[in-house]
């Protein structure tokens, strides 16, 4: 187990260095606490030309000791209203689901976690999720229902969250 944790630690340190050397548009990432490479603070900038445009959304990315064999969990700490984000902030996208066959039969194994994903590919997938909500298998039933049936109310709620995120700067 120690070897796995140390390999995970080395890989995460490398990904952190790479992001520091070559920042990616749309987000910033760093450690919550310099002594723990397994917990990252990520700030996602709402993607242009989406309802989330102009917002600044903070999230915690927690990596397991056996990363990259298992996916991290990602939880928004900023308020978020989205069909694919649980009310407690946890992000629900296929690439964050454990590898292998989906016990519920909704996803192909190829859509789920694979060790080739990096912090960058995970965050870019979350940015894509913000651009294109999937209301077919929602994490937040109320947000998905509002997205489908009361789009103007949904937009109003998201605009309020974006404004609130800008005030937190």
N, C-alpha and C. Protein backbone atom coordinates (compact mmCIF):
# COMPACT_ATOMS: atom_id res chain seq x y z
N UNK A 1 0.83 -1.20 0.00
CA UNK A 1 0.00 0.00 0.00
C UNK A 1 0.87 1.27 0.00
N UNK A 2 1.95 1.25 0.79
CA UNK A 2 2.81 2.44 0.88
C UNK A 2 3.39 2.81 -0.48
N UNK A 3 3.78 1.79 -1.24
CA UNK A 3 4.35 2.06 -2.57
C UNK A 3 3.30 2.73 -3.45
N UNK A 4 2.07 2.26 -3.38
CA UNK A 4 1.00 2.84 -4.19
C UNK A 4 0.76 4.30 -3.80
N UNK A 5 0.68 4.57 -2.50
CA UNK A 5 0.45 5.94 -2.03
C UNK A 5 1.61 6.84 -2.45
N UNK A 6 2.83 6.29 -2.38
CA UNK A 6 3.97 7.12 -2.76
C UNK A 6 4.00 7.36 -4.27
N UNK A 7 3.59 6.36 -5.06
CA UNK A 7 3.50 6.56 -6.52
C UNK A 7 2.43 7.61 -6.83
N UNK A 8 1.30 7.52 -6.15
CA UNK A 8 0.22 8.48 -6.35
C UNK A 8 0.71 9.88 -5.99
N UNK A 9 1.42 9.98 -4.89
CA UNK A 9 1.95 11.27 -4.44
C UNK A 9 2.90 11.87 -5.48
N UNK A 10 3.79 11.05 -6.02
CA UNK A 10 4.73 11.53 -7.04
C UNK A 10 3.99 11.99 -8.30
N UNK A 11 3.00 11.23 -8.72
CA UNK A 11 2.24 11.58 -9.91
C UNK A 11 1.49 12.90 -9.69
N UNK A 12 0.87 13.06 -8.53
CA UNK A 12 0.13 14.30 -8.24
C UNK A 12 1.08 15.49 -8.16
N UNK A 13 2.27 15.30 -7.57
CA UNK A 13 3.25 16.39 -7.52
C UNK A 13 3.67 16.79 -8.93
N UNK A 14 3.83 15.82 -9.81
CA UNK A 14 4.20 16.10 -11.19
C UNK A 14 3.08 16.88 -11.89
N UNK A 15 1.83 16.45 -11.70
CA UNK A 15 0.70 17.15 -12.33
C UNK A 15 0.59 18.58 -11.80
N UNK A 16 0.85 18.78 -10.53
CA UNK A 16 0.83 20.12 -9.95
C UNK A 16 1.91 20.99 -10.57
N UNK A 17 3.13 20.45 -10.69
CA UNK A 17 4.23 21.19 -11.33
C UNK A 17 3.89 21.54 -12.77
N UNK A 18 3.34 20.56 -13.51
CA UNK A 18 2.98 20.80 -14.91
C UNK A 18 1.95 21.92 -15.04
N UNK A 19 0.96 21.92 -14.17
CA UNK A 19 -0.06 22.98 -14.22
C UNK A 19 0.52 24.34 -13.84
N UNK A 20 1.50 24.35 -12.93
CA UNK A 20 2.15 25.61 -12.55
C UNK A 20 2.97 26.16 -13.73
N UNK A 21 3.65 25.25 -14.44
CA UNK A 21 4.48 25.66 -15.58
C UNK A 21 3.64 26.03 -16.80
N UNK A 22 2.54 25.31 -16.99
CA UNK A 22 1.69 25.49 -18.18
C UNK A 22 0.23 25.63 -17.75
N UNK A 23 -0.15 26.80 -17.24
CA UNK A 23 -1.54 26.98 -16.79
C UNK A 23 -2.53 26.77 -17.95
N UNK A 24 -3.70 26.32 -17.60
CA UNK A 24 -4.75 26.03 -18.59
C UNK A 24 -5.86 27.06 -18.42
N UNK A 25 -6.32 27.61 -19.54
CA UNK A 25 -7.43 28.58 -19.49
C UNK A 25 -8.65 27.94 -18.84
N UNK A 26 -9.32 28.71 -18.01
CA UNK A 26 -10.59 28.26 -17.46
C UNK A 26 -10.56 27.79 -16.03
N UNK A 27 -9.35 27.56 -15.49
CA UNK A 27 -9.29 27.13 -14.09
C UNK A 27 -7.90 27.34 -13.51
N UNK A 28 -7.86 27.35 -12.19
CA UNK A 28 -6.58 27.33 -11.48
C UNK A 28 -6.67 26.23 -10.43
N UNK A 29 -5.54 25.67 -10.07
CA UNK A 29 -5.52 24.57 -9.11
C UNK A 29 -4.27 24.65 -8.25
N UNK A 30 -4.43 24.22 -7.02
CA UNK A 30 -3.31 24.16 -6.10
C UNK A 30 -3.71 23.31 -4.91
N UNK A 31 -2.78 23.10 -4.01
CA UNK A 31 -3.04 22.28 -2.84
C UNK A 31 -3.83 23.07 -1.80
N UNK A 32 -4.74 22.39 -1.12
CA UNK A 32 -5.46 23.01 0.00
C UNK A 32 -4.45 23.30 1.11
N UNK A 33 -3.57 22.33 1.34
CA UNK A 33 -2.55 22.42 2.39
C UNK A 33 -1.27 21.82 1.80
N UNK A 34 -0.18 22.57 1.84
CA UNK A 34 1.06 22.13 1.21
C UNK A 34 1.56 20.77 1.70
N UNK A 35 1.09 20.32 2.85
CA UNK A 35 1.57 19.04 3.38
C UNK A 35 0.73 17.86 2.89
N UNK A 36 -0.32 18.12 2.08
CA UNK A 36 -1.20 17.04 1.63
C UNK A 36 -1.45 17.15 0.12
N UNK A 37 -0.72 16.37 -0.66
CA UNK A 37 -0.84 16.42 -2.12
C UNK A 37 -2.14 15.75 -2.60
N UNK A 38 -2.87 15.09 -1.70
CA UNK A 38 -4.07 14.36 -2.08
C UNK A 38 -5.34 15.23 -2.02
N UNK A 39 -5.20 16.48 -1.63
CA UNK A 39 -6.38 17.36 -1.59
C UNK A 39 -6.06 18.69 -2.27
N UNK A 40 -6.80 18.97 -3.33
CA UNK A 40 -6.56 20.16 -4.15
C UNK A 40 -7.73 21.11 -4.08
N UNK A 41 -7.40 22.39 -4.15
CA UNK A 41 -8.40 23.46 -4.28
C UNK A 41 -8.40 23.86 -5.76
N UNK A 42 -9.56 23.85 -6.37
CA UNK A 42 -9.67 24.21 -7.78
C UNK A 42 -10.67 25.36 -7.90
N UNK A 43 -10.33 26.36 -8.69
CA UNK A 43 -11.28 27.43 -9.02
C UNK A 43 -11.56 27.34 -10.50
N UNK A 44 -12.83 27.15 -10.81
CA UNK A 44 -13.26 27.05 -12.20
C UNK A 44 -13.94 28.35 -12.59
N UNK A 45 -13.52 28.90 -13.71
CA UNK A 45 -14.13 30.13 -14.23
C UNK A 45 -15.26 29.69 -15.14
N UNK A 46 -16.47 30.23 -14.89
CA UNK A 46 -17.62 29.86 -15.71
C UNK A 46 -17.30 30.02 -17.18
N UNK A 47 -17.57 28.98 -17.98
CA UNK A 47 -17.21 29.03 -19.41
C UNK A 47 -17.94 30.14 -20.16
N UNK A 48 -17.24 30.81 -21.09
CA UNK A 48 -17.86 31.87 -21.89
C UNK A 48 -19.09 31.34 -22.65
N UNK A 49 -20.04 32.24 -22.85
CA UNK A 49 -21.25 31.92 -23.62
C UNK A 49 -22.07 30.79 -23.02
N UNK A 50 -22.00 30.64 -21.69
CA UNK A 50 -22.87 29.69 -21.00
C UNK A 50 -23.58 30.45 -19.89
N UNK A 51 -24.52 29.81 -19.23
CA UNK A 51 -25.21 30.45 -18.11
C UNK A 51 -24.24 30.77 -16.98
N UNK A 52 -23.14 30.03 -16.89
CA UNK A 52 -22.18 30.19 -15.79
C UNK A 52 -21.07 31.19 -16.11
N UNK A 53 -21.13 31.81 -17.29
CA UNK A 53 -20.14 32.77 -17.77
C UNK A 53 -19.88 33.85 -16.71
N UNK A 54 -18.60 34.06 -16.40
CA UNK A 54 -18.23 35.12 -15.46
C UNK A 54 -18.21 34.69 -14.00
N UNK A 55 -18.67 33.48 -13.72
CA UNK A 55 -18.67 33.01 -12.33
C UNK A 55 -17.33 32.42 -11.95
N UNK A 56 -17.07 32.39 -10.65
CA UNK A 56 -15.86 31.79 -10.09
C UNK A 56 -16.32 30.75 -9.08
N UNK A 57 -16.08 29.49 -9.39
CA UNK A 57 -16.62 28.40 -8.59
C UNK A 57 -15.49 27.57 -7.99
N UNK A 58 -15.47 27.50 -6.67
CA UNK A 58 -14.43 26.76 -5.97
C UNK A 58 -14.88 25.32 -5.73
N UNK A 59 -13.91 24.43 -5.80
CA UNK A 59 -14.19 23.01 -5.57
C UNK A 59 -12.97 22.38 -4.88
N UNK A 60 -13.23 21.29 -4.19
CA UNK A 60 -12.17 20.49 -3.59
C UNK A 60 -12.10 19.18 -4.36
N UNK A 61 -10.89 18.83 -4.77
CA UNK A 61 -10.66 17.58 -5.47
C UNK A 61 -9.86 16.69 -4.51
N UNK A 62 -10.45 15.56 -4.12
CA UNK A 62 -9.80 14.65 -3.17
C UNK A 62 -9.40 13.37 -3.88
N UNK A 63 -8.12 13.07 -3.82
CA UNK A 63 -7.57 11.91 -4.53
C UNK A 63 -7.40 10.74 -3.58
N UNK A 64 -7.72 9.52 -4.05
CA UNK A 64 -7.49 8.34 -3.22
C UNK A 64 -6.01 7.97 -3.21
N UNK A 65 -5.61 7.17 -2.23
CA UNK A 65 -4.21 6.74 -2.12
C UNK A 65 -3.76 5.91 -3.33
N UNK A 66 -4.72 5.29 -4.04
CA UNK A 66 -4.35 4.46 -5.19
C UNK A 66 -4.57 5.18 -6.53
N UNK A 67 -4.64 6.52 -6.50
CA UNK A 67 -4.70 7.29 -7.74
C UNK A 67 -3.47 6.95 -8.57
N UNK A 68 -3.52 6.76 -9.85
CA UNK A 68 -4.62 7.00 -10.78
C UNK A 68 -5.50 5.78 -11.06
N UNK A 69 -5.36 4.71 -10.27
CA UNK A 69 -6.19 3.53 -10.52
C UNK A 69 -7.65 3.76 -10.14
N UNK A 70 -7.89 4.68 -9.23
CA UNK A 70 -9.25 5.06 -8.85
C UNK A 70 -9.40 6.56 -9.01
N UNK A 71 -10.62 7.02 -9.29
CA UNK A 71 -10.82 8.45 -9.54
C UNK A 71 -10.87 9.28 -8.26
N UNK A 72 -10.59 10.57 -8.40
CA UNK A 72 -10.80 11.47 -7.27
C UNK A 72 -12.29 11.76 -7.12
N UNK A 73 -12.64 12.39 -6.03
CA UNK A 73 -13.99 12.94 -5.90
C UNK A 73 -13.83 14.45 -6.03
N UNK A 74 -14.85 15.09 -6.56
CA UNK A 74 -14.83 16.54 -6.73
C UNK A 74 -16.12 17.08 -6.13
N UNK A 75 -15.96 18.09 -5.27
CA UNK A 75 -17.13 18.69 -4.63
C UNK A 75 -17.00 20.21 -4.67
N UNK A 76 -18.03 20.85 -5.25
CA UNK A 76 -18.04 22.31 -5.25
C UNK A 76 -18.23 22.79 -3.82
N UNK A 77 -17.43 23.77 -3.41
CA UNK A 77 -17.63 24.41 -2.12
C UNK A 77 -18.39 25.72 -2.32
N UNK A 78 -18.38 26.22 -3.56
CA UNK A 78 -19.22 27.37 -3.93
C UNK A 78 -20.62 26.84 -4.20
N UNK A 79 -21.59 27.70 -4.03
CA UNK A 79 -22.96 27.31 -4.36
C UNK A 79 -23.03 26.96 -5.85
N UNK A 80 -23.77 25.90 -6.17
CA UNK A 80 -23.89 25.46 -7.56
C UNK A 80 -25.30 24.92 -7.79
N UNK A 81 -25.91 25.31 -8.90
CA UNK A 81 -27.23 24.81 -9.31
C UNK A 81 -27.06 24.21 -10.69
N UNK A 82 -27.05 22.88 -10.75
CA UNK A 82 -26.76 22.19 -12.00
C UNK A 82 -27.30 20.76 -11.90
N UNK A 83 -27.88 20.24 -12.98
CA UNK A 83 -28.41 18.87 -12.93
C UNK A 83 -27.38 17.80 -12.56
N UNK A 84 -26.10 18.04 -12.82
CA UNK A 84 -25.08 17.02 -12.59
C UNK A 84 -24.24 17.28 -11.35
N UNK A 85 -24.76 18.13 -10.46
CA UNK A 85 -24.09 18.40 -9.19
C UNK A 85 -25.10 18.16 -8.07
N UNK A 86 -24.75 17.22 -7.19
CA UNK A 86 -25.63 16.91 -6.06
C UNK A 86 -25.83 18.17 -5.21
N UNK A 87 -26.95 18.22 -4.47
CA UNK A 87 -27.18 19.40 -3.61
C UNK A 87 -26.03 19.70 -2.63
N UNK A 88 -25.25 18.67 -2.25
CA UNK A 88 -24.12 18.91 -1.34
C UNK A 88 -22.84 19.33 -2.09
N UNK A 89 -22.94 19.50 -3.42
CA UNK A 89 -21.81 19.99 -4.20
C UNK A 89 -21.01 18.93 -4.93
N UNK A 90 -21.25 17.65 -4.65
CA UNK A 90 -20.49 16.58 -5.33
C UNK A 90 -20.81 16.56 -6.82
N UNK A 91 -19.76 16.46 -7.62
CA UNK A 91 -19.91 16.43 -9.08
C UNK A 91 -20.17 14.99 -9.52
N UNK A 92 -21.14 14.84 -10.43
CA UNK A 92 -21.49 13.53 -10.94
C UNK A 92 -21.31 13.52 -12.46
N UNK A 93 -20.13 13.08 -12.89
CA UNK A 93 -19.89 12.88 -14.33
C UNK A 93 -19.24 11.50 -14.49
N UNK A 94 -19.45 10.92 -15.64
CA UNK A 94 -19.02 9.54 -15.88
C UNK A 94 -17.56 9.29 -15.56
N UNK A 95 -16.68 10.21 -15.96
CA UNK A 95 -15.24 9.93 -15.77
C UNK A 95 -14.84 9.89 -14.29
N UNK A 96 -15.71 10.33 -13.39
CA UNK A 96 -15.40 10.25 -11.96
C UNK A 96 -15.99 8.99 -11.32
N UNK A 97 -16.66 8.16 -12.12
CA UNK A 97 -17.21 6.91 -11.60
C UNK A 97 -16.15 5.82 -11.69
N UNK A 98 -16.13 4.92 -10.72
CA UNK A 98 -15.09 3.87 -10.69
C UNK A 98 -15.01 3.12 -12.02
N UNK A 99 -13.81 2.62 -12.35
CA UNK A 99 -13.63 1.92 -13.63
C UNK A 99 -14.47 0.64 -13.68
N UNK A 100 -14.69 0.20 -14.90
CA UNK A 100 -15.40 -1.07 -15.10
C UNK A 100 -16.84 -0.86 -15.54
N UNK A 101 -17.58 -1.94 -15.51
CA UNK A 101 -18.98 -1.90 -15.94
C UNK A 101 -19.83 -1.14 -14.93
N UNK A 102 -20.82 -0.40 -15.43
CA UNK A 102 -21.76 0.33 -14.59
C UNK A 102 -22.79 -0.66 -14.04
N UNK A 103 -22.88 -0.80 -12.72
CA UNK A 103 -23.85 -1.74 -12.14
C UNK A 103 -25.30 -1.38 -12.50
N UNK A 104 -25.54 -0.10 -12.83
CA UNK A 104 -26.90 0.33 -13.18
C UNK A 104 -27.16 0.27 -14.69
N UNK A 105 -26.10 0.02 -15.47
CA UNK A 105 -26.27 -0.11 -16.90
C UNK A 105 -26.47 1.19 -17.67
N UNK A 106 -26.18 2.35 -17.05
CA UNK A 106 -26.37 3.63 -17.73
C UNK A 106 -25.17 4.05 -18.57
N UNK A 107 -23.98 3.62 -18.14
CA UNK A 107 -22.75 4.08 -18.80
C UNK A 107 -21.96 2.90 -19.35
N UNK A 108 -21.27 3.17 -20.43
CA UNK A 108 -20.33 2.19 -20.95
C UNK A 108 -19.06 2.24 -20.10
N UNK A 109 -18.37 1.13 -20.00
CA UNK A 109 -17.10 1.10 -19.25
C UNK A 109 -16.13 2.14 -19.81
N UNK A 110 -16.19 2.37 -21.12
CA UNK A 110 -15.27 3.33 -21.76
C UNK A 110 -15.56 4.78 -21.37
N UNK A 111 -16.74 5.05 -20.81
CA UNK A 111 -17.09 6.41 -20.39
C UNK A 111 -16.67 6.69 -18.96
N UNK A 112 -16.32 5.64 -18.23
CA UNK A 112 -16.00 5.76 -16.81
C UNK A 112 -14.50 6.03 -16.61
N UNK A 113 -14.08 6.12 -15.37
CA UNK A 113 -12.69 6.44 -15.03
C UNK A 113 -11.70 5.49 -15.69
N UNK A 114 -10.63 6.07 -16.20
CA UNK A 114 -9.45 5.29 -16.61
C UNK A 114 -8.22 6.05 -16.09
N UNK A 115 -7.15 5.34 -15.81
CA UNK A 115 -5.95 5.99 -15.23
C UNK A 115 -5.27 7.01 -16.13
N UNK A 116 -5.69 7.15 -17.37
CA UNK A 116 -5.06 8.15 -18.23
C UNK A 116 -5.54 9.57 -17.90
N UNK A 117 -6.63 9.70 -17.14
CA UNK A 117 -7.13 11.05 -16.81
C UNK A 117 -6.16 11.75 -15.85
N UNK A 118 -6.10 13.07 -16.03
CA UNK A 118 -5.26 13.91 -15.19
C UNK A 118 -6.14 14.97 -14.54
N UNK A 119 -5.57 15.75 -13.65
CA UNK A 119 -6.31 16.87 -13.06
C UNK A 119 -6.86 17.75 -14.19
N UNK A 120 -6.03 18.01 -15.18
CA UNK A 120 -6.45 18.86 -16.29
C UNK A 120 -7.66 18.26 -17.03
N UNK A 121 -7.60 16.99 -17.38
CA UNK A 121 -8.72 16.40 -18.14
C UNK A 121 -9.99 16.33 -17.29
N UNK A 122 -9.84 16.13 -15.98
CA UNK A 122 -11.01 16.10 -15.10
C UNK A 122 -11.67 17.47 -15.06
N UNK A 123 -10.88 18.51 -14.82
CA UNK A 123 -11.45 19.85 -14.72
C UNK A 123 -12.04 20.29 -16.06
N UNK A 124 -11.37 19.96 -17.16
CA UNK A 124 -11.94 20.30 -18.47
C UNK A 124 -13.27 19.58 -18.70
N UNK A 125 -13.41 18.37 -18.19
CA UNK A 125 -14.69 17.66 -18.28
C UNK A 125 -15.77 18.34 -17.44
N UNK A 126 -15.38 18.88 -16.29
CA UNK A 126 -16.34 19.59 -15.45
C UNK A 126 -16.76 20.89 -16.14
N UNK A 127 -15.82 21.58 -16.76
CA UNK A 127 -16.15 22.80 -17.51
C UNK A 127 -17.12 22.45 -18.65
N UNK A 128 -16.87 21.35 -19.32
CA UNK A 128 -17.77 20.89 -20.38
C UNK A 128 -19.16 20.58 -19.81
N UNK A 129 -19.20 19.98 -18.63
CA UNK A 129 -20.47 19.67 -17.97
C UNK A 129 -21.25 20.96 -17.71
N UNK A 130 -20.55 22.02 -17.30
CA UNK A 130 -21.24 23.29 -17.05
C UNK A 130 -21.85 23.82 -18.34
N UNK A 131 -21.15 23.59 -19.46
CA UNK A 131 -21.64 24.06 -20.75
C UNK A 131 -22.83 23.25 -21.26
N UNK A 132 -22.84 21.96 -20.95
CA UNK A 132 -23.87 21.06 -21.49
C UNK A 132 -24.41 20.13 -20.42
N UNK A 133 -25.39 20.59 -19.63
CA UNK A 133 -25.94 19.71 -18.60
C UNK A 133 -26.55 18.44 -19.20
N UNK A 134 -26.38 17.32 -18.49
CA UNK A 134 -27.00 16.06 -18.88
C UNK A 134 -28.15 15.81 -17.92
N UNK A 135 -29.38 16.01 -18.40
CA UNK A 135 -30.53 15.81 -17.52
C UNK A 135 -31.13 14.41 -17.65
N UNK A 136 -30.42 13.53 -18.37
CA UNK A 136 -30.89 12.14 -18.53
C UNK A 136 -30.67 11.32 -17.26
N UNK A 137 -29.55 11.54 -16.59
CA UNK A 137 -29.29 10.84 -15.32
C UNK A 137 -28.78 11.86 -14.30
N UNK A 138 -29.68 12.70 -13.81
CA UNK A 138 -29.26 13.82 -12.95
C UNK A 138 -28.86 13.42 -11.54
N UNK A 139 -27.95 14.20 -10.98
CA UNK A 139 -27.57 14.07 -9.58
C UNK A 139 -28.50 14.94 -8.74
N UNK A 140 -28.91 16.05 -9.32
CA UNK A 140 -29.83 16.97 -8.63
C UNK A 140 -31.15 16.95 -9.41
N UNK A 141 -32.10 16.18 -8.89
CA UNK A 141 -33.40 15.98 -9.57
C UNK A 141 -34.12 17.31 -9.75
N UNK A 142 -34.10 18.15 -8.71
CA UNK A 142 -34.81 19.44 -8.78
C UNK A 142 -34.22 20.34 -9.86
N UNK A 143 -32.90 20.41 -9.92
CA UNK A 143 -32.25 21.25 -10.93
C UNK A 143 -32.56 20.71 -12.33
N UNK A 144 -32.54 19.39 -12.49
CA UNK A 144 -32.83 18.79 -13.80
C UNK A 144 -34.28 19.08 -14.22
N UNK A 145 -35.18 18.96 -13.26
CA UNK A 145 -36.60 19.21 -13.54
C UNK A 145 -36.80 20.68 -13.95
N UNK A 146 -36.16 21.57 -13.22
CA UNK A 146 -36.27 22.99 -13.55
C UNK A 146 -35.62 23.28 -14.90
N UNK A 147 -34.49 22.66 -15.19
CA UNK A 147 -33.79 22.82 -16.48
C UNK A 147 -34.73 22.43 -17.62
N UNK A 148 -35.46 21.33 -17.44
CA UNK A 148 -36.36 20.83 -18.49
C UNK A 148 -37.66 21.61 -18.59
N UNK A 149 -38.25 21.93 -17.43
CA UNK A 149 -39.63 22.43 -17.42
C UNK A 149 -39.78 23.92 -17.16
N UNK A 150 -38.82 24.52 -16.49
CA UNK A 150 -38.91 25.94 -16.15
C UNK A 150 -37.56 26.60 -16.41
N UNK A 151 -37.14 26.62 -17.66
CA UNK A 151 -35.81 27.07 -18.04
C UNK A 151 -35.53 28.49 -17.54
N UNK A 152 -36.52 29.39 -17.62
CA UNK A 152 -36.29 30.78 -17.16
C UNK A 152 -35.97 30.83 -15.67
N UNK A 153 -36.67 30.02 -14.86
CA UNK A 153 -36.39 29.97 -13.42
C UNK A 153 -34.98 29.42 -13.18
N UNK A 154 -34.61 28.41 -13.95
CA UNK A 154 -33.27 27.83 -13.85
C UNK A 154 -32.22 28.89 -14.14
N UNK A 155 -32.41 29.62 -15.25
CA UNK A 155 -31.45 30.67 -15.64
C UNK A 155 -31.34 31.74 -14.56
N UNK A 156 -32.46 32.12 -13.98
CA UNK A 156 -32.48 33.14 -12.94
C UNK A 156 -31.66 32.69 -11.72
N UNK A 157 -31.84 31.44 -11.33
CA UNK A 157 -31.10 30.89 -10.19
C UNK A 157 -29.59 30.88 -10.48
N UNK A 158 -29.22 30.46 -11.68
CA UNK A 158 -27.80 30.40 -12.04
C UNK A 158 -27.21 31.81 -12.10
N UNK A 159 -27.95 32.77 -12.65
CA UNK A 159 -27.46 34.16 -12.69
C UNK A 159 -27.19 34.68 -11.27
N UNK A 160 -28.07 34.34 -10.32
CA UNK A 160 -27.88 34.75 -8.93
C UNK A 160 -26.61 34.12 -8.36
N UNK A 161 -26.39 32.83 -8.65
CA UNK A 161 -25.20 32.13 -8.16
C UNK A 161 -23.93 32.73 -8.76
N UNK A 162 -23.98 33.07 -10.05
CA UNK A 162 -22.82 33.70 -10.71
C UNK A 162 -22.51 35.04 -10.04
N UNK A 163 -23.54 35.86 -9.82
CA UNK A 163 -23.32 37.16 -9.15
C UNK A 163 -22.72 36.96 -7.76
N UNK A 164 -23.27 36.01 -7.02
CA UNK A 164 -22.78 35.73 -5.68
C UNK A 164 -21.30 35.30 -5.73
N UNK A 165 -20.92 34.49 -6.71
CA UNK A 165 -19.54 34.04 -6.83
C UNK A 165 -18.59 35.20 -7.12
N UNK A 166 -19.07 36.20 -7.86
CA UNK A 166 -18.24 37.35 -8.18
C UNK A 166 -18.04 38.24 -6.96
N UNK A 167 -19.04 38.29 -6.08
CA UNK A 167 -18.93 39.09 -4.87
C UNK A 167 -17.97 38.50 -3.87
N UNK A 168 -17.72 37.18 -3.99
CA UNK A 168 -16.85 36.48 -3.04
C UNK A 168 -15.37 36.72 -3.33
N UNK A 169 -15.06 37.35 -4.47
CA UNK A 169 -13.65 37.56 -4.85
C UNK A 169 -12.96 38.53 -3.92
